[in-house]
Amino acid sequence: MLSAVWHGVEDLRIEMRPVPSPADDEVVVKVHACGICGTDVHILEGKFPVYDPPRVIGHEYTGTVAAVGKGVTHVKEGDAVAVEPGLCCGKCFFCREAKENMCVNRFLHPGGMSEYTCVTDRLVHKLPEGVSLDVGALAEPLACCLRAVDMAELPSGCAVLVLGGGSVGLLTASLAAHSGAAQVIVSEPLAHRRAAAKEMGFLAVNPKTEDLPGILKDRTNGHGPEVVFDCVGHPRLLEQAVELVQKRGTVLEVGVADPDLSASISPYKLFAKELTIKASYMRPYTFARAVRWLPVLNLRPLLGLEFPLGEAKQAIHSLREGKGLKILVKP
């Protein structure tokens, strides 16, 4: 089979590897589509120390079951599935404290930028009836966004501001709109992303040409939104979120930031506004619920830009350049 193998900074090679065979508790998946994530951009740039090269990358993928081990009973050959990446050890301090996303011994199987992949059956989730394999590829990022929305504890009827209208921002906006928010405003400078936000039913604002603070005041009686999600991970947006959020409001850091960058936040402002700042990491215990959300949310506007496996590096560069929304690599 062909696989996209990361060998170091800007070094992604298409290589031939053996097709895996399943152990008793494993499932072989014929990959249909693998989404490109901001994490993939950081990995290619050598800025996200998840694992050492060489490594097959890609962690947002769907496919059909090609083979199952003799101990697997909940899926069968031909089933359409989304695959949860990574397996916590279940034994370390954090796993025993029900904090699996902080597991210190996490196992990451070879990724979905490959024609086939093999994972333990615990990580394979059947897609609901009527959900396409393309939409199913959104399950992993949706699970991460669901974690953030859970942590926000949205007050019913609240106003929410989402900074960044990429795929993570629009997935977060969709969940917020279905989880208690009465208003969802998306701040995004790129026109095609604002168009997708509008198609999904949100107020989309260009922060470079429009008065975002003024618009927020007009729509919230001068108070600002109760919750602000930074779905980019840029330090300036975290600073902006602290400025714009309502007194006693909550700021959620969702986007993956460059590890070398820092934000400047006034401790007095945190004190005077009595703010809560939280950060969500990965998707502990949310993947199965995210799969159940797939047929409920309008996610088709996020899709459309696709690359063959042989152009996986170009796909990652396209995301870095702000093209598309959820870019899919299709083996």
C-alpha atoms as a PDB file:
ATOM      1  CA  MET A   1       0.000   0.000   0.000  1.00  0.00           C
ATOM      2  CA  LEU A   2       1.019   3.637  -0.436  1.00  0.00           C
ATOM      3  CA  SER A   3       1.498   5.816   2.653  1.00  0.00           C
ATOM      4  CA  ALA A   4       2.502   9.434   3.300  1.00  0.00           C
ATOM      5  CA  VAL A   5       5.468   9.187   5.689  1.00  0.00           C
ATOM      6  CA  TRP A   6       6.837  12.182   7.579  1.00  0.00           C
ATOM      7  CA  HIS A   7      10.634  12.127   7.832  1.00  0.00           C
ATOM      8  CA  GLY A   8      11.305  15.563   9.320  1.00  0.00           C
ATOM      9  CA  VAL A   9      10.869  19.266   8.622  1.00  0.00           C
ATOM     10  CA  GLU A  10       9.123  19.715   5.238  1.00  0.00           C
ATOM     11  CA  ASP A  11      10.019  16.115   4.353  1.00  0.00           C
ATOM     12  CA  LEU A  12       6.893  14.095   3.537  1.00  0.00           C
ATOM     13  CA  ARG A  13       7.415  11.085   1.265  1.00  0.00           C
ATOM     14  CA  ILE A  14       5.022   8.729  -0.471  1.00  0.00           C
ATOM     15  CA  GLU A  15       6.297   5.234   0.278  1.00  0.00           C
ATOM     16  CA  MET A  16       5.246   1.638  -0.292  1.00  0.00           C
ATOM     17  CA  ARG A  17       4.489  -0.270   2.927  1.00  0.00           C
ATOM     18  CA  PRO A  18       2.987  -3.713   3.658  1.00  0.00           C
ATOM     19  CA  VAL A  19      -0.779  -3.958   4.007  1.00  0.00           C
ATOM     20  CA  PRO A  20      -1.410  -4.758   7.700  1.00  0.00           C
ATOM     21  CA  SER A  21      -3.147  -7.876   8.990  1.00  0.00           C
ATOM     22  CA  PRO A  22      -5.377  -7.678  12.080  1.00  0.00           C
ATOM     23  CA  ALA A  23      -4.652  -9.282  15.433  1.00  0.00           C
ATOM     24  CA  ASP A  24      -7.595 -10.801  17.308  1.00  0.00           C
ATOM     25  CA  ASP A  25      -8.825  -7.433  18.617  1.00  0.00           C
ATOM     26  CA  GLU A  26      -7.930  -5.301  15.612  1.00  0.00           C
ATOM     27  CA  VAL A  27      -9.654  -3.897  12.547  1.00  0.00           C
ATOM     28  CA  VAL A  28      -8.120  -3.148   9.154  1.00  0.00           C
ATOM     29  CA  VAL A  29      -9.683  -0.075   7.532  1.00  0.00           C
ATOM     30  CA  LYS A  30      -9.509   0.777   3.834  1.00  0.00           C
ATOM     31  CA  VAL A  31      -9.115   4.551   4.089  1.00  0.00           C
ATOM     32  CA  HIS A  32     -11.598   6.666   2.133  1.00  0.00           C
ATOM     33  CA  ALA A  33     -10.631  10.177   3.275  1.00  0.00           C
ATOM     34  CA  CYS A  34      -8.245  11.794   5.741  1.00  0.00           C
ATOM     35  CA  GLY A  35      -8.703  15.394   6.840  1.00  0.00           C
ATOM     36  CA  ILE A  36      -5.834  17.854   7.086  1.00  0.00           C
ATOM     37  CA  CYS A  37      -5.487  19.509  10.485  1.00  0.00           C
ATOM     38  CA  GLY A  38      -3.505  22.474  11.779  1.00  0.00           C
ATOM     39  CA  THR A  39      -1.569  19.918  13.782  1.00  0.00           C
ATOM     40  CA  ASP A  40      -0.395  18.373  10.498  1.00  0.00           C
ATOM     41  CA  VAL A  41       0.944  21.788   9.499  1.00  0.00           C
ATOM     42  CA  HIS A  42       2.874  22.039  12.769  1.00  0.00           C
ATOM     43  CA  ILE A  43       4.165  18.467  12.398  1.00  0.00           C
ATOM     44  CA  LEU A  44       5.447  19.143   8.883  1.00  0.00           C
ATOM     45  CA  GLU A  45       7.136  22.299  10.162  1.00  0.00           C
ATOM     46  CA  GLY A  46       8.704  20.377  13.053  1.00  0.00           C
ATOM     47  CA  LYS A  47       6.877  22.480  15.675  1.00  0.00           C
ATOM     48  CA  PHE A  48       4.623  19.908  17.320  1.00  0.00           C
ATOM     49  CA  PRO A  49       6.513  17.212  19.261  1.00  0.00           C
ATOM     50  CA  VAL A  50       3.942  14.427  19.104  1.00  0.00           C
ATOM     51  CA  TYR A  51       6.262  11.708  17.839  1.00  0.00           C
ATOM     52  CA  ASP A  52       9.566  11.129  16.111  1.00  0.00           C
ATOM     53  CA  PRO A  53      10.008  10.488  12.374  1.00  0.00           C
ATOM     54  CA  PRO A  54       9.554   8.415  10.327  1.00  0.00           C
ATOM     55  CA  ARG A  55       5.806   8.319  10.804  1.00  0.00           C
ATOM     56  CA  VAL A  56       2.657   7.873   8.727  1.00  0.00           C
ATOM     57  CA  ILE A  57       0.633  10.966   9.583  1.00  0.00           C
ATOM     58  CA  GLY A  58      -3.074  11.828   9.456  1.00  0.00           C
ATOM     59  CA  HIS A  59      -5.530  11.491  12.330  1.00  0.00           C
ATOM     60  CA  GLU A  60      -8.939  12.548  10.928  1.00  0.00           C
ATOM     61  CA  TYR A  61     -10.100   9.703   8.756  1.00  0.00           C
ATOM     62  CA  THR A  62     -12.869   7.408   7.659  1.00  0.00           C
ATOM     63  CA  GLY A  63     -13.067   4.276   5.586  1.00  0.00           C
ATOM     64  CA  THR A  64     -14.653   0.887   5.236  1.00  0.00           C
ATOM     65  CA  VAL A  65     -13.769  -2.168   7.267  1.00  0.00           C
ATOM     66  CA  ALA A  66     -11.551  -4.428   5.148  1.00  0.00           C
ATOM     67  CA  ALA A  67     -10.810  -7.164   7.705  1.00  0.00           C
ATOM     68  CA  VAL A  68     -11.457  -7.920  11.372  1.00  0.00           C
ATOM     69  CA  GLY A  69      -9.726 -10.074  13.977  1.00  0.00           C
ATOM     70  CA  LYS A  70     -11.569 -13.081  15.328  1.00  0.00           C
ATOM     71  CA  GLY A  71     -12.391 -11.304  18.590  1.00  0.00           C
ATOM     72  CA  VAL A  72     -14.089  -8.302  16.947  1.00  0.00           C
ATOM     73  CA  THR A  73     -17.880  -8.317  17.062  1.00  0.00           C
ATOM     74  CA  HIS A  74     -19.196  -4.729  16.833  1.00  0.00           C
ATOM     75  CA  VAL A  75     -18.122  -4.095  13.224  1.00  0.00           C
ATOM     76  CA  LYS A  76     -17.864  -6.297  10.149  1.00  0.00           C
ATOM     77  CA  GLU A  77     -16.325  -6.130   6.693  1.00  0.00           C
ATOM     78  CA  GLY A  78     -17.884  -3.399   4.589  1.00  0.00           C
ATOM     79  CA  ASP A  79     -19.029  -1.202   7.492  1.00  0.00           C
ATOM     80  CA  ALA A  80     -18.444   2.537   7.103  1.00  0.00           C
ATOM     81  CA  VAL A  81     -16.437   3.782  10.083  1.00  0.00           C
ATOM     82  CA  ALA A  82     -14.678   6.769  11.598  1.00  0.00           C
ATOM     83  CA  VAL A  83     -11.435   6.008  13.400  1.00  0.00           C
ATOM     84  CA  GLU A  84     -10.439   7.548  16.715  1.00  0.00           C
ATOM     85  CA  PRO A  85      -6.673   8.210  16.734  1.00  0.00           C
ATOM     86  CA  GLY A  86      -4.558   7.109  19.656  1.00  0.00           C
ATOM     87  CA  LEU A  87      -5.084   4.894  22.644  1.00  0.00           C
ATOM     88  CA  CYS A  88      -4.434   5.818  26.267  1.00  0.00           C
ATOM     89  CA  CYS A  89      -2.623   3.297  28.446  1.00  0.00           C
ATOM     90  CA  GLY A  90      -5.313   3.053  31.144  1.00  0.00           C
ATOM     91  CA  LYS A  91      -2.630   2.605  33.810  1.00  0.00           C
ATOM     92  CA  CYS A  92      -0.791   5.880  34.382  1.00  0.00           C
ATOM     93  CA  PHE A  93      -1.759   8.431  37.030  1.00  0.00           C
ATOM     94  CA  PHE A  94      -3.839  10.543  34.630  1.00  0.00           C
ATOM     95  CA  CYS A  95      -5.709   7.595  33.134  1.00  0.00           C
ATOM     96  CA  ARG A  96      -6.589   6.365  36.623  1.00  0.00           C
ATOM     97  CA  GLU A  97      -7.847   9.875  37.421  1.00  0.00           C
ATOM     98  CA  ALA A  98     -10.162   9.795  34.353  1.00  0.00           C
ATOM     99  CA  LYS A  99      -7.987  12.316  32.490  1.00  0.00           C
ATOM    100  CA  GLU A 100      -7.148  10.209  29.471  1.00  0.00           C
ATOM    101  CA  ASN A 101      -6.140  13.145  27.294  1.00  0.00           C
ATOM    102  CA  MET A 102      -3.190  13.679  29.645  1.00  0.00           C
ATOM    103  CA  CYS A 103      -1.999  10.059  29.406  1.00  0.00           C
ATOM    104  CA  VAL A 104       1.810   9.904  29.560  1.00  0.00           C
ATOM    105  CA  ASN A 105       2.009   6.603  27.661  1.00  0.00           C
ATOM    106  CA  ARG A 106      -0.377   7.313  24.815  1.00  0.00           C
ATOM    107  CA  PHE A 107      -0.029   5.041  21.780  1.00  0.00           C
ATOM    108  CA  LEU A 108      -0.518   6.598  18.359  1.00  0.00           C
ATOM    109  CA  HIS A 109      -1.002   4.072  15.577  1.00  0.00           C
ATOM    110  CA  PRO A 110       0.201   4.816  12.023  1.00  0.00           C
ATOM    111  CA  GLY A 111      -2.073   7.465  10.560  1.00  0.00           C
ATOM    112  CA  GLY A 112      -4.766   7.731   7.929  1.00  0.00           C
ATOM    113  CA  MET A 113      -2.738   9.160   5.055  1.00  0.00           C
ATOM    114  CA  SER A 114      -2.398   5.643   3.763  1.00  0.00           C
ATOM    115  CA  GLU A 115      -4.424   3.209   1.697  1.00  0.00           C
ATOM    116  CA  TYR A 116      -5.016   0.991   4.739  1.00  0.00           C
ATOM    117  CA  THR A 117      -4.583   1.275   8.471  1.00  0.00           C
ATOM    118  CA  CYS A 118      -4.927  -1.175  11.361  1.00  0.00           C
ATOM    119  CA  VAL A 119      -6.238  -0.217  14.809  1.00  0.00           C
ATOM    120  CA  THR A 120      -7.636  -1.817  17.929  1.00  0.00           C
ATOM    121  CA  ASP A 121     -11.397  -2.287  17.714  1.00  0.00           C
ATOM    122  CA  ARG A 122     -11.949   0.187  20.572  1.00  0.00           C
ATOM    123  CA  LEU A 123     -11.056   3.004  18.191  1.00  0.00           C
ATOM    124  CA  VAL A 124     -13.477   2.128  15.374  1.00  0.00           C
ATOM    125  CA  HIS A 125     -16.916   3.792  15.346  1.00  0.00           C
ATOM    126  CA  LYS A 126     -19.683   2.892  12.893  1.00  0.00           C
ATOM    127  CA  LEU A 127     -21.065   5.900  11.074  1.00  0.00           C
ATOM    128  CA  PRO A 128     -24.779   6.614  11.503  1.00  0.00           C
ATOM    129  CA  GLU A 129     -27.110   5.750   8.658  1.00  0.00           C
ATOM    130  CA  GLY A 130     -27.024   8.375   5.934  1.00  0.00           C
ATOM    131  CA  VAL A 131     -23.713   9.979   6.986  1.00  0.00           C
ATOM    132  CA  SER A 132     -21.229  10.004   4.122  1.00  0.00           C
ATOM    133  CA  LEU A 133     -17.608   8.967   4.517  1.00  0.00           C
ATOM    134  CA  ASP A 134     -16.574  12.534   3.655  1.00  0.00           C
ATOM    135  CA  VAL A 135     -18.678  14.032   6.451  1.00  0.00           C
ATOM    136  CA  GLY A 136     -17.517  11.229   8.731  1.00  0.00           C
ATOM    137  CA  ALA A 137     -13.948  12.513   8.368  1.00  0.00           C
ATOM    138  CA  LEU A 138     -15.067  15.484  10.493  1.00  0.00           C
ATOM    139  CA  ALA A 139     -15.692  13.269  13.529  1.00  0.00           C
ATOM    140  CA  GLU A 140     -12.249  13.747  15.076  1.00  0.00           C
ATOM    141  CA  PRO A 141     -12.096  17.551  14.913  1.00  0.00           C
ATOM    142  CA  LEU A 142     -15.753  17.664  15.939  1.00  0.00           C
ATOM    143  CA  ALA A 143     -14.867  15.592  19.016  1.00  0.00           C
ATOM    144  CA  CYS A 144     -12.157  18.123  19.915  1.00  0.00           C
ATOM    145  CA  CYS A 145     -14.613  20.998  19.523  1.00  0.00           C
ATOM    146  CA  LEU A 146     -17.198  19.134  21.577  1.00  0.00           C
ATOM    147  CA  ARG A 147     -14.677  18.982  24.413  1.00  0.00           C
ATOM    148  CA  ALA A 148     -14.303  22.776  24.252  1.00  0.00           C
ATOM    149  CA  VAL A 149     -18.054  23.388  24.187  1.00  0.00           C
ATOM    150  CA  ASP A 150     -18.497  21.016  27.125  1.00  0.00           C
ATOM    151  CA  MET A 151     -15.895  22.967  29.082  1.00  0.00           C
ATOM    152  CA  ALA A 152     -17.546  26.305  28.246  1.00  0.00           C
ATOM    153  CA  GLU A 153     -20.731  25.303  30.112  1.00  0.00           C
ATOM    154  CA  LEU A 154     -22.734  27.594  27.840  1.00  0.00           C
ATOM    155  CA  PRO A 155     -25.522  29.473  29.626  1.00  0.00           C
ATOM    156  CA  SER A 156     -28.798  28.947  27.784  1.00  0.00           C
ATOM    157  CA  GLY A 157     -29.543  31.958  25.609  1.00  0.00           C
ATOM    158  CA  CYS A 158     -25.995  33.306  25.699  1.00  0.00           C
ATOM    159  CA  ALA A 159     -24.054  35.129  22.996  1.00  0.00           C
ATOM    160  CA  VAL A 160     -20.937  33.367  21.686  1.00  0.00           C
ATOM    161  CA  LEU A 161     -18.043  34.812  19.699  1.00  0.00           C
ATOM    162  CA  VAL A 162     -15.866  32.442  17.676  1.00  0.00           C
ATOM    163  CA  LEU A 163     -12.507  33.866  16.629  1.00  0.00           C
ATOM    164  CA  GLY A 164     -11.478  32.084  13.436  1.00  0.00           C
ATOM    165  CA  GLY A 165     -13.817  30.675  10.799  1.00  0.00           C
ATOM    166  CA  GLY A 166     -11.749  27.684   9.748  1.00  0.00           C
ATOM    167  CA  SER A 167     -13.052  24.157  10.193  1.00  0.00           C
ATOM    168  CA  VAL A 168     -12.480  24.120  13.963  1.00  0.00           C
ATOM    169  CA  GLY A 169     -14.165  27.488  14.347  1.00  0.00           C
ATOM    170  CA  LEU A 170     -17.223  26.512  12.327  1.00  0.00           C
ATOM    171  CA  LEU A 171     -17.528  23.129  14.039  1.00  0.00           C
ATOM    172  CA  THR A 172     -17.377  24.909  17.405  1.00  0.00           C
ATOM    173  CA  ALA A 173     -19.942  27.453  16.225  1.00  0.00           C
ATOM    174  CA  SER A 174     -22.282  24.665  15.096  1.00  0.00           C
ATOM    175  CA  LEU A 175     -22.083  22.861  18.409  1.00  0.00           C
ATOM    176  CA  ALA A 176     -22.566  26.104  20.344  1.00  0.00           C
ATOM    177  CA  ALA A 177     -25.676  26.950  18.324  1.00  0.00           C
ATOM    178  CA  HIS A 178     -27.132  23.539  19.174  1.00  0.00           C
ATOM    179  CA  SER A 179     -26.042  23.643  22.821  1.00  0.00           C
ATOM    180  CA  GLY A 180     -27.705  26.713  24.266  1.00  0.00           C
ATOM    181  CA  ALA A 181     -26.278  29.766  22.483  1.00  0.00           C
ATOM    182  CA  ALA A 182     -28.904  32.175  21.137  1.00  0.00           C
ATOM    183  CA  GLN A 183     -26.364  34.177  19.117  1.00  0.00           C
ATOM    184  CA  VAL A 184     -23.187  32.942  17.418  1.00  0.00           C
ATOM    185  CA  ILE A 185     -20.861  35.471  15.794  1.00  0.00           C
ATOM    186  CA  VAL A 186     -17.854  34.314  13.765  1.00  0.00           C
ATOM    187  CA  SER A 187     -14.880  36.627  13.225  1.00  0.00           C
ATOM    188  CA  GLU A 188     -12.960  35.638  10.081  1.00  0.00           C
ATOM    189  CA  PRO A 189     -10.956  37.733   7.575  1.00  0.00           C
ATOM    190  CA  LEU A 190     -11.105  35.281   4.641  1.00  0.00           C
ATOM    191  CA  ALA A 191     -14.137  35.748   2.395  1.00  0.00           C
ATOM    192  CA  HIS A 192     -14.727  32.089   1.498  1.00  0.00           C
ATOM    193  CA  ARG A 193     -14.774  31.135   5.171  1.00  0.00           C
ATOM    194  CA  ARG A 194     -17.202  33.926   6.018  1.00  0.00           C
ATOM    195  CA  ALA A 195     -19.409  32.682   3.192  1.00  0.00           C
ATOM    196  CA  ALA A 196     -19.432  29.201   4.712  1.00  0.00           C
ATOM    197  CA  ALA A 197     -20.228  30.658   8.139  1.00  0.00           C
ATOM    198  CA  LYS A 198     -23.201  32.539   6.683  1.00  0.00           C
ATOM    199  CA  GLU A 199     -24.388  29.413   4.870  1.00  0.00           C
ATOM    200  CA  MET A 200     -24.328  27.597   8.215  1.00  0.00           C
ATOM    201  CA  GLY A 201     -26.494  30.304   9.767  1.00  0.00           C
ATOM    202  CA  PHE A 202     -24.003  32.480  11.671  1.00  0.00           C
ATOM    203  CA  LEU A 203     -23.280  36.191  11.632  1.00  0.00           C
ATOM    204  CA  ALA A 204     -19.867  36.467   9.939  1.00  0.00           C
ATOM    205  CA  VAL A 205     -17.730  39.556  10.544  1.00  0.00           C
ATOM    206  CA  ASN A 206     -14.531  40.635   8.800  1.00  0.00           C
ATOM    207  CA  PRO A 207     -12.376  41.922  11.689  1.00  0.00           C
ATOM    208  CA  LYS A 208     -10.066  43.776   9.286  1.00  0.00           C
ATOM    209  CA  THR A 209     -12.735  45.917   7.627  1.00  0.00           C
ATOM    210  CA  GLU A 210     -15.631  45.912  10.107  1.00  0.00           C
ATOM    211  CA  ASP A 211     -15.965  47.173  13.677  1.00  0.00           C
ATOM    212  CA  LEU A 212     -16.063  43.858  15.542  1.00  0.00           C
ATOM    213  CA  PRO A 213     -16.198  45.409  19.065  1.00  0.00           C
ATOM    214  CA  GLY A 214     -18.986  47.751  17.961  1.00  0.00           C
ATOM    215  CA  ILE A 215     -20.996  44.941  16.373  1.00  0.00           C
ATOM    216  CA  LEU A 216     -20.670  42.855  19.525  1.00  0.00           C
ATOM    217  CA  LYS A 217     -21.826  45.733  21.713  1.00  0.00           C
ATOM    218  CA  ASP A 218     -24.822  46.367  19.465  1.00  0.00           C
ATOM    219  CA  ARG A 219     -25.879  42.721  19.626  1.00  0.00           C
ATOM    220  CA  THR A 220     -25.328  42.256  23.373  1.00  0.00           C
ATOM    221  CA  ASN A 221     -26.683  45.512  24.831  1.00  0.00           C
ATOM    222  CA  GLY A 222     -23.147  46.772  25.303  1.00  0.00           C
ATOM    223  CA  HIS A 223     -21.983  43.885  27.477  1.00  0.00           C
ATOM    224  CA  GLY A 224     -20.107  41.644  25.040  1.00  0.00           C
ATOM    225  CA  PRO A 225     -20.467  37.887  24.555  1.00  0.00           C
ATOM    226  CA  GLU A 226     -20.589  35.595  27.567  1.00  0.00           C
ATOM    227  CA  VAL A 227     -18.219  33.112  25.902  1.00  0.00           C
ATOM    228  CA  VAL A 228     -15.386  33.606  23.405  1.00  0.00           C
ATOM    229  CA  PHE A 229     -13.659  30.701  21.658  1.00  0.00           C
ATOM    230  CA  ASP A 230     -10.199  31.261  20.139  1.00  0.00           C
ATOM    231  CA  CYS A 231     -10.214  28.646  17.392  1.00  0.00           C
ATOM    232  CA  VAL A 232      -6.938  29.717  15.785  1.00  0.00           C
ATOM    233  CA  GLY A 233      -4.424  29.612  18.613  1.00  0.00           C
ATOM    234  CA  HIS A 234      -2.753  32.929  17.829  1.00  0.00           C
ATOM    235  CA  PRO A 235      -1.564  34.976  20.844  1.00  0.00           C
ATOM    236  CA  ARG A 236      -3.192  38.185  19.550  1.00  0.00           C
ATOM    237  CA  LEU A 237      -6.567  36.439  19.395  1.00  0.00           C
ATOM    238  CA  LEU A 238      -6.287  35.285  22.985  1.00  0.00           C
ATOM    239  CA  GLU A 239      -5.543  38.885  23.940  1.00  0.00           C
ATOM    240  CA  GLN A 240      -8.513  40.042  21.863  1.00  0.00           C
ATOM    241  CA  ALA A 241     -10.777  37.485  23.510  1.00  0.00           C
ATOM    242  CA  VAL A 242      -9.932  38.868  26.955  1.00  0.00           C
ATOM    243  CA  GLU A 243     -10.801  42.379  25.733  1.00  0.00           C
ATOM    244  CA  LEU A 244     -14.103  41.425  24.092  1.00  0.00           C
ATOM    245  CA  VAL A 245     -15.612  38.902  26.503  1.00  0.00           C
ATOM    246  CA  GLN A 246     -18.304  40.015  28.919  1.00  0.00           C
ATOM    247  CA  LYS A 247     -17.495  40.621  32.592  1.00  0.00           C
ATOM    248  CA  ARG A 248     -17.527  37.290  34.424  1.00  0.00           C
ATOM    249  CA  GLY A 249     -17.348  35.641  31.021  1.00  0.00           C
ATOM    250  CA  THR A 250     -15.352  32.663  29.812  1.00  0.00           C
ATOM    251  CA  VAL A 251     -12.563  32.444  27.237  1.00  0.00           C
ATOM    252  CA  LEU A 252     -11.808  29.051  25.685  1.00  0.00           C
ATOM    253  CA  GLU A 253      -8.456  28.431  23.974  1.00  0.00           C
ATOM    254  CA  VAL A 254      -9.195  25.811  21.308  1.00  0.00           C
ATOM    255  CA  GLY A 255      -6.750  26.343  18.427  1.00  0.00           C
ATOM    256  CA  VAL A 256      -3.294  24.758  18.412  1.00  0.00           C
ATOM    257  CA  ALA A 257      -0.759  27.520  18.959  1.00  0.00           C
ATOM    258  CA  ASP A 258       2.842  27.734  17.819  1.00  0.00           C
ATOM    259  CA  PRO A 259       4.731  26.504  20.935  1.00  0.00           C
ATOM    260  CA  ASP A 260       7.256  29.324  20.590  1.00  0.00           C
ATOM    261  CA  LEU A 261       4.720  32.189  20.779  1.00  0.00           C
ATOM    262  CA  SER A 262       3.386  33.954  23.880  1.00  0.00           C
ATOM    263  CA  ALA A 263       0.455  36.218  24.670  1.00  0.00           C
ATOM    264  CA  SER A 264       0.426  39.359  26.806  1.00  0.00           C
ATOM    265  CA  ILE A 265      -2.546  39.523  29.160  1.00  0.00           C
ATOM    266  CA  SER A 266      -3.171  42.041  31.938  1.00  0.00           C
ATOM    267  CA  PRO A 267      -3.607  40.300  35.316  1.00  0.00           C
ATOM    268  CA  TYR A 268      -5.587  43.339  36.456  1.00  0.00           C
ATOM    269  CA  LYS A 269      -8.038  42.904  33.596  1.00  0.00           C
ATOM    270  CA  LEU A 270      -8.569  39.269  34.559  1.00  0.00           C
ATOM    271  CA  PHE A 271      -9.157  40.426  38.133  1.00  0.00           C
ATOM    272  CA  ALA A 272     -11.410  43.368  37.326  1.00  0.00           C
ATOM    273  CA  LYS A 273     -13.579  41.407  34.877  1.00  0.00           C
ATOM    274  CA  GLU A 274     -13.432  38.245  37.001  1.00  0.00           C
ATOM    275  CA  LEU A 275     -12.769  36.164  33.905  1.00  0.00           C
ATOM    276  CA  THR A 276     -12.415  32.434  33.482  1.00  0.00           C
ATOM    277  CA  ILE A 277      -9.841  31.245  30.959  1.00  0.00           C
ATOM    278  CA  LYS A 278      -9.814  27.595  29.979  1.00  0.00           C
ATOM    279  CA  ALA A 279      -8.039  25.517  27.359  1.00  0.00           C
ATOM    280  CA  SER A 280      -9.277  22.294  25.787  1.00  0.00           C
ATOM    281  CA  TYR A 281      -6.798  19.596  24.784  1.00  0.00           C
ATOM    282  CA  MET A 282      -7.727  16.722  22.494  1.00  0.00           C
ATOM    283  CA  ARG A 283     -11.026  14.861  22.902  1.00  0.00           C
ATOM    284  CA  PRO A 284     -11.350  12.841  26.121  1.00  0.00           C
ATOM    285  CA  TYR A 285     -14.530  10.735  26.073  1.00  0.00           C
ATOM    286  CA  THR A 286     -16.163  12.780  23.288  1.00  0.00           C
ATOM    287  CA  PHE A 287     -15.565  10.799  20.071  1.00  0.00           C
ATOM    288  CA  ALA A 288     -18.652   8.577  20.275  1.00  0.00           C
ATOM    289  CA  ARG A 289     -20.880  11.600  20.988  1.00  0.00           C
ATOM    290  CA  ALA A 290     -19.279  13.498  18.103  1.00  0.00           C
ATOM    291  CA  VAL A 291     -20.218  10.650  15.753  1.00  0.00           C
ATOM    292  CA  ARG A 292     -23.810  10.952  16.968  1.00  0.00           C
ATOM    293  CA  TRP A 293     -23.738  14.682  16.167  1.00  0.00           C
ATOM    294  CA  LEU A 294     -22.746  14.097  12.522  1.00  0.00           C
ATOM    295  CA  PRO A 295     -26.277  13.569  11.106  1.00  0.00           C
ATOM    296  CA  VAL A 296     -27.651  16.506  13.119  1.00  0.00           C
ATOM    297  CA  LEU A 297     -25.302  19.324  12.080  1.00  0.00           C
ATOM    298  CA  ASN A 298     -25.070  21.018   8.681  1.00  0.00           C
ATOM    299  CA  LEU A 299     -21.424  20.255   7.881  1.00  0.00           C
ATOM    300  CA  ARG A 300     -21.387  20.015   4.079  1.00  0.00           C
ATOM    301  CA  PRO A 301     -20.243  23.664   3.657  1.00  0.00           C
ATOM    302  CA  LEU A 302     -16.917  22.707   5.257  1.00  0.00           C
ATOM    303  CA  LEU A 303     -16.049  20.219   2.508  1.00  0.00           C
ATOM    304  CA  GLY A 304     -15.015  20.588  -1.104  1.00  0.00           C
ATOM    305  CA  LEU A 305     -11.215  20.789  -1.471  1.00  0.00           C
ATOM    306  CA  GLU A 306      -9.614  17.366  -2.068  1.00  0.00           C
ATOM    307  CA  PHE A 307      -6.175  16.003  -2.962  1.00  0.00           C
ATOM    308  CA  PRO A 308      -4.959  12.524  -3.923  1.00  0.00           C
ATOM    309  CA  LEU A 309      -2.563  10.807  -1.522  1.00  0.00           C
ATOM    310  CA  GLY A 310       0.385  11.561  -3.793  1.00  0.00           C
ATOM    311  CA  GLU A 311      -0.231  15.285  -3.183  1.00  0.00           C
ATOM    312  CA  ALA A 312      -0.484  15.096   0.612  1.00  0.00           C
ATOM    313  CA  LYS A 313       2.260  17.666   1.116  1.00  0.00           C
ATOM    314  CA  GLN A 314       0.500  20.105  -1.216  1.00  0.00           C
ATOM    315  CA  ALA A 315      -2.689  19.534   0.778  1.00  0.00           C
ATOM    316  CA  ILE A 316      -0.945  20.520   4.020  1.00  0.00           C
ATOM    317  CA  HIS A 317       0.546  23.593   2.357  1.00  0.00           C
ATOM    318  CA  SER A 318      -2.918  24.553   1.085  1.00  0.00           C
ATOM    319  CA  LEU A 319      -4.279  24.588   4.617  1.00  0.00           C
ATOM    320  CA  ARG A 320      -1.340  26.689   5.762  1.00  0.00           C
ATOM    321  CA  GLU A 321      -2.131  29.153   2.959  1.00  0.00           C
ATOM    322  CA  GLY A 322      -5.747  29.475   4.110  1.00  0.00           C
ATOM    323  CA  LYS A 323      -7.338  27.625   1.195  1.00  0.00           C
ATOM    324  CA  GLY A 324     -10.589  25.718   1.631  1.00  0.00           C
ATOM    325  CA  LEU A 325     -11.947  24.670   5.005  1.00  0.00           C
ATOM    326  CA  LYS A 326     -11.656  20.964   5.767  1.00  0.00           C
ATOM    327  CA  ILE A 327      -9.228  19.677   3.156  1.00  0.00           C
ATOM    328  CA  LEU A 328      -9.420  15.943   2.487  1.00  0.00           C
ATOM    329  CA  VAL A 329      -6.677  13.638   1.246  1.00  0.00           C
ATOM    330  CA  LYS A 330      -8.145  10.630  -0.571  1.00  0.00           C
ATOM    331  CA  PRO A 331      -6.020   7.519  -1.136  1.00  0.00           C
END
